[in-house]
Amino acid sequence: MKKMLTKEEIKKVIDILLDLYPDAKSELNYSNPFELLIATILSAQCTDVQVNKTTKKLFKHYKTPEDYLKLTEEELGEKIRSCGFYKTKSKNILSTCRLLIEKFDGKVPSTLEELMTLPGVGRKTANVVLSNAFSKPAIAVDTHVFRVSNRIGLADSDNVLDTEKDLMENIDKGLWSKAHHLLIFHGRRICKARRPLCEKCPLTDYCLYYKEEYNK
């Protein structure tokens, strides 16, 4: 059985998802690149809904790297406790704020390489910031994107980096950022981790997972 759809089939899948989720976008609330950076660091192993509850209070009082550095790790940790892994996230956020001031004049850098020098910022977080805050073509591969793209056949990889490479090769560059959101929306609403709602999915004519599971 084939492991990946053709580029023509992938184009049709993206078109269907565009029709299904015309308003697909980041579900994190933010008003500038710095807020998005903080929210994305907090979102690791946490839902966007919970992050938004936390940042609604946080962003009212802490608007710049300097503001955060007035807090100790323990104080910040208490404010973000509900996002999980709060001790590590607090340490990374304060270290990132320090580095932003020391190296980047207090501003969030706009290249992948520079973003990935910040503590707590891996490739996925960097791509989220590039795509959403700076409108640069990027595909951030989170758990939803990884699962959905490999299930359907938009990618064929057992790791995040190669999945990103497959998607970049198979999807038009102008749609990279939009495709990221489409796949997240689909993963949250239909193509769920444990029990995908295949009976509701409009992609069954293409989806390799569906064909394998239901055409046995």
C-alpha atoms as a PDB file:
ATOM      1  CA  MET A   1       0.000   0.000   0.000  1.00  0.00           C
ATOM      2  CA  LYS A   2       1.270   3.461  -0.854  1.00  0.00           C
ATOM      3  CA  LYS A   3       2.513   5.631   1.993  1.00  0.00           C
ATOM      4  CA  MET A   4       1.962   9.100   0.554  1.00  0.00           C
ATOM      5  CA  LEU A   5      -0.547  10.794  -1.718  1.00  0.00           C
ATOM      6  CA  THR A   6       0.474  12.343  -5.028  1.00  0.00           C
ATOM      7  CA  LYS A   7       0.981  16.093  -5.157  1.00  0.00           C
ATOM      8  CA  GLU A   8      -2.267  16.429  -7.108  1.00  0.00           C
ATOM      9  CA  GLU A   9      -4.144  14.472  -4.432  1.00  0.00           C
ATOM     10  CA  ILE A  10      -2.519  16.557  -1.704  1.00  0.00           C
ATOM     11  CA  LYS A  11      -3.647  19.721  -3.466  1.00  0.00           C
ATOM     12  CA  LYS A  12      -7.224  18.397  -3.469  1.00  0.00           C
ATOM     13  CA  VAL A  13      -6.990  17.542   0.239  1.00  0.00           C
ATOM     14  CA  ILE A  14      -5.828  21.081   1.044  1.00  0.00           C
ATOM     15  CA  ASP A  15      -8.644  22.528  -1.090  1.00  0.00           C
ATOM     16  CA  ILE A  16     -11.208  20.466   0.844  1.00  0.00           C
ATOM     17  CA  LEU A  17      -9.738  21.600   4.159  1.00  0.00           C
ATOM     18  CA  LEU A  18      -9.803  25.236   2.977  1.00  0.00           C
ATOM     19  CA  ASP A  19     -13.523  24.867   2.281  1.00  0.00           C
ATOM     20  CA  LEU A  20     -14.089  23.111   5.602  1.00  0.00           C
ATOM     21  CA  TYR A  21     -12.144  25.591   7.747  1.00  0.00           C
ATOM     22  CA  PRO A  22     -12.077  28.945   5.908  1.00  0.00           C
ATOM     23  CA  ASP A  23     -11.326  30.788   9.155  1.00  0.00           C
ATOM     24  CA  ALA A  24      -8.534  28.506  10.358  1.00  0.00           C
ATOM     25  CA  LYS A  25      -5.940  30.508  12.279  1.00  0.00           C
ATOM     26  CA  SER A  26      -4.005  30.448  15.528  1.00  0.00           C
ATOM     27  CA  GLU A  27      -6.276  29.853  18.504  1.00  0.00           C
ATOM     28  CA  LEU A  28      -3.806  31.483  20.868  1.00  0.00           C
ATOM     29  CA  ASN A  29      -4.697  35.039  21.855  1.00  0.00           C
ATOM     30  CA  TYR A  30      -1.952  37.626  21.359  1.00  0.00           C
ATOM     31  CA  SER A  31      -1.518  41.169  20.097  1.00  0.00           C
ATOM     32  CA  ASN A  32       2.192  41.289  19.192  1.00  0.00           C
ATOM     33  CA  PRO A  33       5.170  38.979  18.516  1.00  0.00           C
ATOM     34  CA  PHE A  34       6.329  39.009  22.148  1.00  0.00           C
ATOM     35  CA  GLU A  35       2.943  37.905  23.464  1.00  0.00           C
ATOM     36  CA  LEU A  36       2.788  35.146  20.852  1.00  0.00           C
ATOM     37  CA  LEU A  37       6.270  33.965  21.855  1.00  0.00           C
ATOM     38  CA  ILE A  38       5.266  33.753  25.535  1.00  0.00           C
ATOM     39  CA  ALA A  39       1.942  32.063  24.715  1.00  0.00           C
ATOM     40  CA  THR A  40       3.621  29.501  22.475  1.00  0.00           C
ATOM     41  CA  ILE A  41       6.197  28.618  25.137  1.00  0.00           C
ATOM     42  CA  LEU A  42       3.317  28.131  27.571  1.00  0.00           C
ATOM     43  CA  SER A  43       1.401  25.984  25.085  1.00  0.00           C
ATOM     44  CA  ALA A  44       3.847  23.054  25.259  1.00  0.00           C
ATOM     45  CA  GLN A  45       1.904  20.064  26.652  1.00  0.00           C
ATOM     46  CA  CYS A  46      -1.051  22.378  27.291  1.00  0.00           C
ATOM     47  CA  THR A  47      -4.243  23.323  25.469  1.00  0.00           C
ATOM     48  CA  ASP A  48      -4.657  26.698  23.784  1.00  0.00           C
ATOM     49  CA  VAL A  49      -7.837  27.196  25.836  1.00  0.00           C
ATOM     50  CA  GLN A  50      -5.903  26.917  29.096  1.00  0.00           C
ATOM     51  CA  VAL A  51      -3.058  29.091  27.815  1.00  0.00           C
ATOM     52  CA  ASN A  52      -5.553  31.811  26.843  1.00  0.00           C
ATOM     53  CA  LYS A  53      -7.071  31.750  30.335  1.00  0.00           C
ATOM     54  CA  THR A  54      -3.603  32.234  31.811  1.00  0.00           C
ATOM     55  CA  THR A  55      -2.389  34.911  29.403  1.00  0.00           C
ATOM     56  CA  LYS A  56      -5.606  36.930  29.728  1.00  0.00           C
ATOM     57  CA  LYS A  57      -4.442  37.869  33.220  1.00  0.00           C
ATOM     58  CA  LEU A  58      -0.713  37.731  32.537  1.00  0.00           C
ATOM     59  CA  PHE A  59      -0.666  40.064  29.543  1.00  0.00           C
ATOM     60  CA  LYS A  60      -2.557  42.784  31.404  1.00  0.00           C
ATOM     61  CA  HIS A  61       0.370  43.337  33.742  1.00  0.00           C
ATOM     62  CA  TYR A  62       3.413  42.005  31.882  1.00  0.00           C
ATOM     63  CA  LYS A  63       3.903  43.534  28.463  1.00  0.00           C
ATOM     64  CA  THR A  64       7.679  43.619  27.906  1.00  0.00           C
ATOM     65  CA  PRO A  65      10.709  41.450  28.702  1.00  0.00           C
ATOM     66  CA  GLU A  66      11.629  43.996  31.382  1.00  0.00           C
ATOM     67  CA  ASP A  67       8.252  43.482  33.073  1.00  0.00           C
ATOM     68  CA  TYR A  68       8.824  39.741  33.389  1.00  0.00           C
ATOM     69  CA  LEU A  69      12.314  40.189  34.771  1.00  0.00           C
ATOM     70  CA  LYS A  70      10.845  41.967  37.789  1.00  0.00           C
ATOM     71  CA  LEU A  71       9.524  38.544  38.823  1.00  0.00           C
ATOM     72  CA  THR A  72      11.407  35.640  40.361  1.00  0.00           C
ATOM     73  CA  GLU A  73      11.098  32.184  38.823  1.00  0.00           C
ATOM     74  CA  GLU A  74       8.839  31.206  41.718  1.00  0.00           C
ATOM     75  CA  GLU A  75       6.571  34.243  41.296  1.00  0.00           C
ATOM     76  CA  LEU A  76       6.156  33.717  37.562  1.00  0.00           C
ATOM     77  CA  GLY A  77       5.722  29.994  38.135  1.00  0.00           C
ATOM     78  CA  GLU A  78       2.693  30.632  40.339  1.00  0.00           C
ATOM     79  CA  LYS A  79       1.107  32.799  37.646  1.00  0.00           C
ATOM     80  CA  ILE A  80       1.505  30.136  34.962  1.00  0.00           C
ATOM     81  CA  ARG A  81       1.056  27.049  37.161  1.00  0.00           C
ATOM     82  CA  SER A  82      -2.185  26.020  35.399  1.00  0.00           C
ATOM     83  CA  CYS A  83      -0.292  25.539  32.106  1.00  0.00           C
ATOM     84  CA  GLY A  84       1.737  22.641  33.500  1.00  0.00           C
ATOM     85  CA  PHE A  85       5.529  22.228  33.692  1.00  0.00           C
ATOM     86  CA  TYR A  86       5.430  25.696  35.228  1.00  0.00           C
ATOM     87  CA  LYS A  87       8.873  25.540  36.816  1.00  0.00           C
ATOM     88  CA  THR A  88      10.617  24.797  33.524  1.00  0.00           C
ATOM     89  CA  LYS A  89       8.463  27.259  31.591  1.00  0.00           C
ATOM     90  CA  SER A  90       9.055  30.004  34.150  1.00  0.00           C
ATOM     91  CA  LYS A  91      12.828  29.477  33.959  1.00  0.00           C
ATOM     92  CA  ASN A  92      12.775  29.467  30.141  1.00  0.00           C
ATOM     93  CA  ILE A  93      10.572  32.567  29.868  1.00  0.00           C
ATOM     94  CA  LEU A  94      12.796  34.608  32.177  1.00  0.00           C
ATOM     95  CA  SER A  95      15.969  33.388  30.420  1.00  0.00           C
ATOM     96  CA  THR A  96      14.396  34.247  27.065  1.00  0.00           C
ATOM     97  CA  CYS A  97      13.430  37.727  28.279  1.00  0.00           C
ATOM     98  CA  ARG A  98      16.994  38.286  29.468  1.00  0.00           C
ATOM     99  CA  LEU A  99      18.406  37.201  26.104  1.00  0.00           C
ATOM    100  CA  LEU A 100      15.925  39.353  24.174  1.00  0.00           C
ATOM    101  CA  ILE A 101      17.210  42.407  26.045  1.00  0.00           C
ATOM    102  CA  GLU A 102      20.885  41.468  25.837  1.00  0.00           C
ATOM    103  CA  LYS A 103      21.015  40.351  22.194  1.00  0.00           C
ATOM    104  CA  PHE A 104      17.947  41.639  20.378  1.00  0.00           C
ATOM    105  CA  ASP A 105      17.247  45.085  21.818  1.00  0.00           C
ATOM    106  CA  GLY A 106      14.190  43.721  23.613  1.00  0.00           C
ATOM    107  CA  LYS A 107      12.504  42.665  20.379  1.00  0.00           C
ATOM    108  CA  VAL A 108      11.550  39.203  19.153  1.00  0.00           C
ATOM    109  CA  PRO A 109      13.901  38.167  16.309  1.00  0.00           C
ATOM    110  CA  SER A 110      12.364  37.238  12.965  1.00  0.00           C
ATOM    111  CA  THR A 111      14.587  34.411  11.743  1.00  0.00           C
ATOM    112  CA  LEU A 112      14.375  30.707  12.566  1.00  0.00           C
ATOM    113  CA  GLU A 113      18.018  30.532  13.593  1.00  0.00           C
ATOM    114  CA  GLU A 114      17.809  33.475  16.000  1.00  0.00           C
ATOM    115  CA  LEU A 115      14.518  32.347  17.521  1.00  0.00           C
ATOM    116  CA  MET A 116      15.945  28.901  18.220  1.00  0.00           C
ATOM    117  CA  THR A 117      18.722  30.455  20.330  1.00  0.00           C
ATOM    118  CA  LEU A 118      16.072  31.451  22.874  1.00  0.00           C
ATOM    119  CA  PRO A 119      15.564  29.102  25.865  1.00  0.00           C
ATOM    120  CA  GLY A 120      12.406  27.039  25.534  1.00  0.00           C
ATOM    121  CA  VAL A 121      12.109  27.776  21.826  1.00  0.00           C
ATOM    122  CA  GLY A 122      12.436  24.757  19.578  1.00  0.00           C
ATOM    123  CA  ARG A 123      11.778  24.500  15.880  1.00  0.00           C
ATOM    124  CA  LYS A 124       8.000  24.197  16.297  1.00  0.00           C
ATOM    125  CA  THR A 125       7.711  27.299  18.491  1.00  0.00           C
ATOM    126  CA  ALA A 126      10.011  29.253  16.183  1.00  0.00           C
ATOM    127  CA  ASN A 127       7.925  28.335  13.147  1.00  0.00           C
ATOM    128  CA  VAL A 128       4.703  29.334  14.933  1.00  0.00           C
ATOM    129  CA  VAL A 129       6.166  32.775  15.666  1.00  0.00           C
ATOM    130  CA  LEU A 130       7.604  33.208  12.157  1.00  0.00           C
ATOM    131  CA  SER A 131       4.338  32.229  10.535  1.00  0.00           C
ATOM    132  CA  ASN A 132       1.862  34.097  12.731  1.00  0.00           C
ATOM    133  CA  ALA A 133       3.786  37.106  14.007  1.00  0.00           C
ATOM    134  CA  PHE A 134       5.917  37.835  10.939  1.00  0.00           C
ATOM    135  CA  SER A 135       3.817  36.319   8.116  1.00  0.00           C
ATOM    136  CA  LYS A 136       6.733  34.212   6.897  1.00  0.00           C
ATOM    137  CA  PRO A 137       6.020  30.881   5.171  1.00  0.00           C
ATOM    138  CA  ALA A 138       6.514  28.126   7.738  1.00  0.00           C
ATOM    139  CA  ILE A 139       4.942  24.843   8.810  1.00  0.00           C
ATOM    140  CA  ALA A 140       5.099  24.231  12.536  1.00  0.00           C
ATOM    141  CA  VAL A 141       4.692  20.517  13.208  1.00  0.00           C
ATOM    142  CA  ASP A 142       2.924  19.948  16.513  1.00  0.00           C
ATOM    143  CA  THR A 143       1.234  16.713  17.608  1.00  0.00           C
ATOM    144  CA  HIS A 144      -1.884  17.445  15.531  1.00  0.00           C
ATOM    145  CA  VAL A 145       0.014  18.318  12.350  1.00  0.00           C
ATOM    146  CA  PHE A 146       2.276  15.279  12.766  1.00  0.00           C
ATOM    147  CA  ARG A 147      -0.606  12.883  13.328  1.00  0.00           C
ATOM    148  CA  VAL A 148      -3.011  14.203  10.699  1.00  0.00           C
ATOM    149  CA  SER A 149      -0.485  14.686   7.898  1.00  0.00           C
ATOM    150  CA  ASN A 150       0.969  11.192   8.307  1.00  0.00           C
ATOM    151  CA  ARG A 151      -2.458   9.582   8.648  1.00  0.00           C
ATOM    152  CA  ILE A 152      -3.880  11.169   5.528  1.00  0.00           C
ATOM    153  CA  GLY A 153      -0.731  10.735   3.465  1.00  0.00           C
ATOM    154  CA  LEU A 154       0.516  14.310   3.142  1.00  0.00           C
ATOM    155  CA  ALA A 155       3.738  13.088   4.736  1.00  0.00           C
ATOM    156  CA  ASP A 156       5.363   9.746   5.409  1.00  0.00           C
ATOM    157  CA  SER A 157       7.687  10.034   8.355  1.00  0.00           C
ATOM    158  CA  ASP A 158       8.141   8.836  11.910  1.00  0.00           C
ATOM    159  CA  ASN A 159       9.658  12.093  13.158  1.00  0.00           C
ATOM    160  CA  VAL A 160       8.737  15.766  13.304  1.00  0.00           C
ATOM    161  CA  LEU A 161      11.601  17.191  11.227  1.00  0.00           C
ATOM    162  CA  ASP A 162      11.109  14.841   8.277  1.00  0.00           C
ATOM    163  CA  THR A 163       7.351  15.434   8.435  1.00  0.00           C
ATOM    164  CA  GLU A 164       8.020  19.162   8.143  1.00  0.00           C
ATOM    165  CA  LYS A 165      10.301  18.521   5.141  1.00  0.00           C
ATOM    166  CA  ASP A 166       7.648  16.328   3.467  1.00  0.00           C
ATOM    167  CA  LEU A 167       4.970  18.983   3.959  1.00  0.00           C
ATOM    168  CA  MET A 168       7.221  21.760   2.664  1.00  0.00           C
ATOM    169  CA  GLU A 169       7.933  19.685  -0.431  1.00  0.00           C
ATOM    170  CA  ASN A 170       4.342  18.583  -1.021  1.00  0.00           C
ATOM    171  CA  ILE A 171       2.434  21.813  -0.303  1.00  0.00           C
ATOM    172  CA  ASP A 172       2.680  25.082  -2.200  1.00  0.00           C
ATOM    173  CA  LYS A 173       4.890  27.499  -0.242  1.00  0.00           C
ATOM    174  CA  GLY A 174       2.193  30.156  -0.266  1.00  0.00           C
ATOM    175  CA  LEU A 175      -0.052  27.770   1.683  1.00  0.00           C
ATOM    176  CA  TRP A 176       2.455  26.521   4.274  1.00  0.00           C
ATOM    177  CA  SER A 177       1.205  28.727   7.106  1.00  0.00           C
ATOM    178  CA  LYS A 178      -2.455  28.176   6.267  1.00  0.00           C
ATOM    179  CA  ALA A 179      -1.943  24.418   5.950  1.00  0.00           C
ATOM    180  CA  HIS A 180      -0.467  24.354   9.457  1.00  0.00           C
ATOM    181  CA  HIS A 181      -3.714  25.800  10.849  1.00  0.00           C
ATOM    182  CA  LEU A 182      -5.928  23.621   8.649  1.00  0.00           C
ATOM    183  CA  LEU A 183      -4.261  20.456   9.917  1.00  0.00           C
ATOM    184  CA  ILE A 184      -4.522  21.604  13.546  1.00  0.00           C
ATOM    185  CA  PHE A 185      -8.223  22.431  13.132  1.00  0.00           C
ATOM    186  CA  HIS A 186      -8.862  19.052  11.510  1.00  0.00           C
ATOM    187  CA  GLY A 187      -6.909  17.235  14.219  1.00  0.00           C
ATOM    188  CA  ARG A 188      -8.848  18.930  17.005  1.00  0.00           C
ATOM    189  CA  ARG A 189     -12.280  18.585  15.455  1.00  0.00           C
ATOM    190  CA  ILE A 190     -12.333  15.364  13.408  1.00  0.00           C
ATOM    191  CA  CYS A 191      -9.009  13.506  13.066  1.00  0.00           C
ATOM    192  CA  LYS A 192      -8.595  13.008  16.814  1.00  0.00           C
ATOM    193  CA  ALA A 193      -5.782  10.982  18.323  1.00  0.00           C
ATOM    194  CA  ARG A 194      -7.644   8.042  19.819  1.00  0.00           C
ATOM    195  CA  ARG A 195     -10.930   7.912  17.976  1.00  0.00           C
ATOM    196  CA  PRO A 196     -10.890   9.823  14.698  1.00  0.00           C
ATOM    197  CA  LEU A 197     -14.389  10.730  13.531  1.00  0.00           C
ATOM    198  CA  CYS A 198     -13.936   9.183  10.083  1.00  0.00           C
ATOM    199  CA  GLU A 199     -17.691   9.063   9.483  1.00  0.00           C
ATOM    200  CA  LYS A 200     -17.735  12.874   9.568  1.00  0.00           C
ATOM    201  CA  CYS A 201     -14.570  13.390   7.548  1.00  0.00           C
ATOM    202  CA  PRO A 202     -14.740  14.741   3.968  1.00  0.00           C
ATOM    203  CA  LEU A 203     -11.283  13.356   3.166  1.00  0.00           C
ATOM    204  CA  THR A 204     -12.110   9.636   3.075  1.00  0.00           C
ATOM    205  CA  ASP A 205     -11.721   9.464  -0.722  1.00  0.00           C
ATOM    206  CA  TYR A 206      -8.041  10.304  -0.223  1.00  0.00           C
ATOM    207  CA  CYS A 207      -7.073   9.381   3.338  1.00  0.00           C
ATOM    208  CA  LEU A 208      -4.653   6.434   3.451  1.00  0.00           C
ATOM    209  CA  TYR A 209      -5.517   5.682   7.082  1.00  0.00           C
ATOM    210  CA  TYR A 210      -9.222   5.400   6.231  1.00  0.00           C
ATOM    211  CA  LYS A 211      -8.555   3.156   3.252  1.00  0.00           C
ATOM    212  CA  GLU A 212      -6.351   0.879   5.301  1.00  0.00           C
ATOM    213  CA  GLU A 213      -8.739   0.693   8.277  1.00  0.00           C
ATOM    214  CA  TYR A 214     -12.053   0.417   6.463  1.00  0.00           C
ATOM    215  CA  ASN A 215     -11.193  -1.433   3.260  1.00  0.00           C
ATOM    216  CA  LYS A 216      -9.713  -4.501   4.909  1.00  0.00           C
END
